[in-house]
Structures are given as structure tokens and as C-alpha cells.
């Protein structure tokens, strides 16, 4: 039997650093930090931090994300309007979502990505 993996243990681990692609930027140029803590088949889980900023996102029809905000605040802008997600709240970015992701206050969140492609 495989052990349970703790998904907030980033101490001592080096994150992957990146920024949104320039052609997707709407506001700012935020630094993003990602710690991938578990990968198995179509699922990836970890912790993500980001500075304030806003950029366009396009999820493939085969990918979705569940996330839980630990600190800070994000706002998802989609066809139905904007939705804020803050500390202690979770959200789902559904397959095929097209919109904008905005970090309103520096955020730290846990995430689970599921990719059902091929």
C-alpha cells in the first residue's frame, strides 16, 4: 500500500518559477512559484504561490483543476462574470474554461490538476 502524501510540505523544496506568457498578460507581470508534490497518472497535486496580477487562461477540454486557497485572494473572470475565492475556500476550473485569472492579494493555494487526455 502506498503512503498518504502530505500536500503542504514545501519546506526545503525548490519551487519552479515562472511568469504568465507576455501575450496573455492583462495586468502586472507576477512571479509564480509551483511546488509539485505528487504526480500519478492523470493527476498532479501541489502548492502554488503568486504575486498580484491578471492574465488570460484557456484550459483544454481534457483538463480541470480543483484548488483550495490557504491565504490571499484570487478572482476568476469567466463568461458568467467574476468569482472571488479567499482563504478557506475552494474552487473548480472546469474543462474548456476560457477567461482570466486574477491574483487580487498575494496567494498561496493547494491544487489538484486532472488531465484526462489520451
C-alpha atoms as a PDB file:
ATOM      1  CA  UNK A   1       0.000   0.000   0.000  1.00  0.00           C
ATOM      2  CA  UNK A   2       1.301   3.463  -0.887  1.00  0.00           C
ATOM      3  CA  UNK A   3       1.618   6.080   1.878  1.00  0.00           C
ATOM      4  CA  UNK A   4      -0.569   9.167   2.045  1.00  0.00           C
ATOM      5  CA  UNK A   5       1.257  12.232   0.694  1.00  0.00           C
ATOM      6  CA  UNK A   6       1.183  15.489   2.689  1.00  0.00           C
ATOM      7  CA  UNK A   7       0.327  18.305   0.250  1.00  0.00           C
ATOM      8  CA  UNK A   8       1.656  21.371   2.058  1.00  0.00           C
ATOM      9  CA  UNK A   9       5.129  20.238   2.979  1.00  0.00           C
ATOM     10  CA  UNK A  10       7.166  22.629   0.817  1.00  0.00           C
ATOM     11  CA  UNK A  11       9.935  23.242   3.390  1.00  0.00           C
ATOM     12  CA  UNK A  12      13.318  22.561   1.819  1.00  0.00           C
ATOM     13  CA  UNK A  13      11.884  22.001  -1.671  1.00  0.00           C
ATOM     14  CA  UNK A  14      12.779  24.301  -4.548  1.00  0.00           C
ATOM     15  CA  UNK A  15       9.767  25.624  -6.473  1.00  0.00           C
ATOM     16  CA  UNK A  16       9.515  26.022 -10.208  1.00  0.00           C
ATOM     17  CA  UNK A  17       9.441  29.755 -11.004  1.00  0.00           C
ATOM     18  CA  UNK A  18       7.632  31.298 -13.956  1.00  0.00           C
ATOM     19  CA  UNK A  19       5.519  34.217 -15.112  1.00  0.00           C
ATOM     20  CA  UNK A  20       2.464  34.357 -17.390  1.00  0.00           C
ATOM     21  CA  UNK A  21       3.202  34.381 -21.099  1.00  0.00           C
ATOM     22  CA  UNK A  22       3.531  38.001 -22.328  1.00  0.00           C
ATOM     23  CA  UNK A  23       0.757  37.525 -24.908  1.00  0.00           C
ATOM     24  CA  UNK A  24      -1.672  36.548 -22.093  1.00  0.00           C
ATOM     25  CA  UNK A  25      -0.868  39.340 -19.614  1.00  0.00           C
ATOM     26  CA  UNK A  26      -3.680  41.723 -18.731  1.00  0.00           C
ATOM     27  CA  UNK A  27      -2.147  43.461 -15.670  1.00  0.00           C
ATOM     28  CA  UNK A  28       1.202  43.195 -13.922  1.00  0.00           C
ATOM     29  CA  UNK A  29       3.829  40.514 -14.543  1.00  0.00           C
ATOM     30  CA  UNK A  30       3.524  38.317 -11.441  1.00  0.00           C
ATOM     31  CA  UNK A  31       6.117  35.807 -10.309  1.00  0.00           C
ATOM     32  CA  UNK A  32       4.570  32.378  -9.771  1.00  0.00           C
ATOM     33  CA  UNK A  33       6.024  29.581  -7.617  1.00  0.00           C
ATOM     34  CA  UNK A  34       4.891  25.979  -8.036  1.00  0.00           C
ATOM     35  CA  UNK A  35       5.770  23.008  -5.864  1.00  0.00           C
ATOM     36  CA  UNK A  36       4.622  19.737  -7.468  1.00  0.00           C
ATOM     37  CA  UNK A  37       4.292  17.368  -4.529  1.00  0.00           C
ATOM     38  CA  UNK A  38       2.581  14.404  -6.162  1.00  0.00           C
ATOM     39  CA  UNK A  39       2.125  13.071  -9.695  1.00  0.00           C
ATOM     40  CA  UNK A  40       0.279   9.864 -10.527  1.00  0.00           C
ATOM     41  CA  UNK A  41      -1.318   9.038 -13.852  1.00  0.00           C
ATOM     42  CA  UNK A  42      -3.605  11.891 -14.890  1.00  0.00           C
ATOM     43  CA  UNK A  43      -3.348  13.734 -11.532  1.00  0.00           C
ATOM     44  CA  UNK A  44      -0.872  16.363 -10.343  1.00  0.00           C
ATOM     45  CA  UNK A  45      -1.089  17.969  -6.883  1.00  0.00           C
ATOM     46  CA  UNK A  46       0.926  20.605  -5.109  1.00  0.00           C
ATOM     47  CA  UNK A  47       1.164  24.134  -3.783  1.00  0.00           C
ATOM     48  CA  UNK A  48       1.170  27.347  -5.824  1.00  0.00           C
ATOM     49  CA  UNK A  49       2.003  30.936  -4.843  1.00  0.00           C
ATOM     50  CA  UNK A  50       1.659  34.079  -6.898  1.00  0.00           C
ATOM     51  CA  UNK A  51       2.019  37.846  -6.704  1.00  0.00           C
ATOM     52  CA  UNK A  52      -0.860  40.134  -7.747  1.00  0.00           C
ATOM     53  CA  UNK A  53      -1.558  40.294 -11.473  1.00  0.00           C
ATOM     54  CA  UNK A  54      -4.045  39.204 -14.110  1.00  0.00           C
ATOM     55  CA  UNK A  55      -3.761  37.054 -17.234  1.00  0.00           C
ATOM     56  CA  UNK A  56      -5.885  35.119 -19.710  1.00  0.00           C
ATOM     57  CA  UNK A  57      -6.221  31.353 -19.253  1.00  0.00           C
ATOM     58  CA  UNK A  58      -7.506  28.655 -21.571  1.00  0.00           C
ATOM     59  CA  UNK A  59      -7.996  25.154 -20.155  1.00  0.00           C
ATOM     60  CA  UNK A  60      -8.016  22.271 -22.619  1.00  0.00           C
ATOM     61  CA  UNK A  61     -11.252  20.268 -22.811  1.00  0.00           C
ATOM     62  CA  UNK A  62      -9.375  17.432 -21.095  1.00  0.00           C
ATOM     63  CA  UNK A  63      -8.033  19.353 -18.060  1.00  0.00           C
ATOM     64  CA  UNK A  64      -9.671  20.585 -14.875  1.00  0.00           C
ATOM     65  CA  UNK A  65      -8.396  21.949 -11.565  1.00  0.00           C
ATOM     66  CA  UNK A  66      -9.637  21.924  -8.011  1.00  0.00           C
ATOM     67  CA  UNK A  67      -7.887  24.406  -5.704  1.00  0.00           C
ATOM     68  CA  UNK A  68      -8.115  25.494  -2.068  1.00  0.00           C
ATOM     69  CA  UNK A  69      -6.890  28.980  -1.091  1.00  0.00           C
ATOM     70  CA  UNK A  70      -4.694  28.951   2.014  1.00  0.00           C
ATOM     71  CA  UNK A  71      -4.013  32.701   2.028  1.00  0.00           C
ATOM     72  CA  UNK A  72      -4.633  35.672  -0.244  1.00  0.00           C
ATOM     73  CA  UNK A  73      -7.408  36.091  -2.781  1.00  0.00           C
ATOM     74  CA  UNK A  74      -7.990  35.194  -6.429  1.00  0.00           C
ATOM     75  CA  UNK A  75     -10.707  36.219  -8.844  1.00  0.00           C
ATOM     76  CA  UNK A  76     -11.746  34.146 -11.846  1.00  0.00           C
ATOM     77  CA  UNK A  77     -13.304  36.105 -14.702  1.00  0.00           C
ATOM     78  CA  UNK A  78     -15.437  33.935 -16.966  1.00  0.00           C
ATOM     79  CA  UNK A  79     -18.432  34.110 -19.266  1.00  0.00           C
ATOM     80  CA  UNK A  80     -20.809  34.206 -16.266  1.00  0.00           C
ATOM     81  CA  UNK A  81     -18.942  37.082 -14.536  1.00  0.00           C
ATOM     82  CA  UNK A  82     -16.302  37.186 -11.791  1.00  0.00           C
ATOM     83  CA  UNK A  83     -15.951  34.893  -8.780  1.00  0.00           C
ATOM     84  CA  UNK A  84     -13.719  35.665  -5.774  1.00  0.00           C
ATOM     85  CA  UNK A  85     -12.093  32.857  -3.798  1.00  0.00           C
ATOM     86  CA  UNK A  86     -10.381  33.615  -0.484  1.00  0.00           C
ATOM     87  CA  UNK A  87      -8.797  31.840   2.477  1.00  0.00           C
ATOM     88  CA  UNK A  88     -10.551  28.636   3.444  1.00  0.00           C
ATOM     89  CA  UNK A  89     -12.497  28.496   0.171  1.00  0.00           C
ATOM     90  CA  UNK A  90     -12.059  26.219  -2.800  1.00  0.00           C
ATOM     91  CA  UNK A  91     -12.936  26.394  -6.441  1.00  0.00           C
ATOM     92  CA  UNK A  92     -13.014  24.347  -9.627  1.00  0.00           C
ATOM     93  CA  UNK A  93     -11.783  25.485 -13.014  1.00  0.00           C
ATOM     94  CA  UNK A  94     -13.790  23.265 -15.368  1.00  0.00           C
ATOM     95  CA  UNK A  95     -12.571  21.614 -18.573  1.00  0.00           C
ATOM     96  CA  UNK A  96     -12.533  24.017 -21.505  1.00  0.00           C
ATOM     97  CA  UNK A  97     -12.689  27.147 -19.293  1.00  0.00           C
ATOM     98  CA  UNK A  98     -11.636  30.353 -21.052  1.00  0.00           C
ATOM     99  CA  UNK A  99     -11.334  33.559 -19.093  1.00  0.00           C
ATOM    100  CA  UNK A 100      -8.950  35.483 -16.887  1.00  0.00           C
ATOM    101  CA  UNK A 101      -7.212  34.559 -13.653  1.00  0.00           C
ATOM    102  CA  UNK A 102      -6.532  37.465 -11.300  1.00  0.00           C
ATOM    103  CA  UNK A 103      -4.489  37.395  -8.116  1.00  0.00           C
ATOM    104  CA  UNK A 104      -6.021  40.192  -6.039  1.00  0.00           C
ATOM    105  CA  UNK A 105      -3.789  39.663  -2.965  1.00  0.00           C
ATOM    106  CA  UNK A 106      -0.637  37.500  -2.836  1.00  0.00           C
ATOM    107  CA  UNK A 107      -1.979  33.959  -2.863  1.00  0.00           C
ATOM    108  CA  UNK A 108      -0.934  30.526  -1.664  1.00  0.00           C
ATOM    109  CA  UNK A 109      -3.152  27.646  -2.695  1.00  0.00           C
ATOM    110  CA  UNK A 110      -3.169  23.882  -2.883  1.00  0.00           C
ATOM    111  CA  UNK A 111      -4.108  22.499  -6.281  1.00  0.00           C
ATOM    112  CA  UNK A 112      -5.104  19.247  -7.931  1.00  0.00           C
ATOM    113  CA  UNK A 113      -4.982  19.070 -11.739  1.00  0.00           C
ATOM    114  CA  UNK A 114      -6.621  16.186 -13.576  1.00  0.00           C
ATOM    115  CA  UNK A 115      -5.839  15.630 -17.244  1.00  0.00           C
ATOM    116  CA  UNK A 116      -7.958  13.009 -18.978  1.00  0.00           C
ATOM    117  CA  UNK A 117      -6.219  13.270 -22.377  1.00  0.00           C
ATOM    118  CA  UNK A 118      -5.281  10.027 -24.071  1.00  0.00           C
END
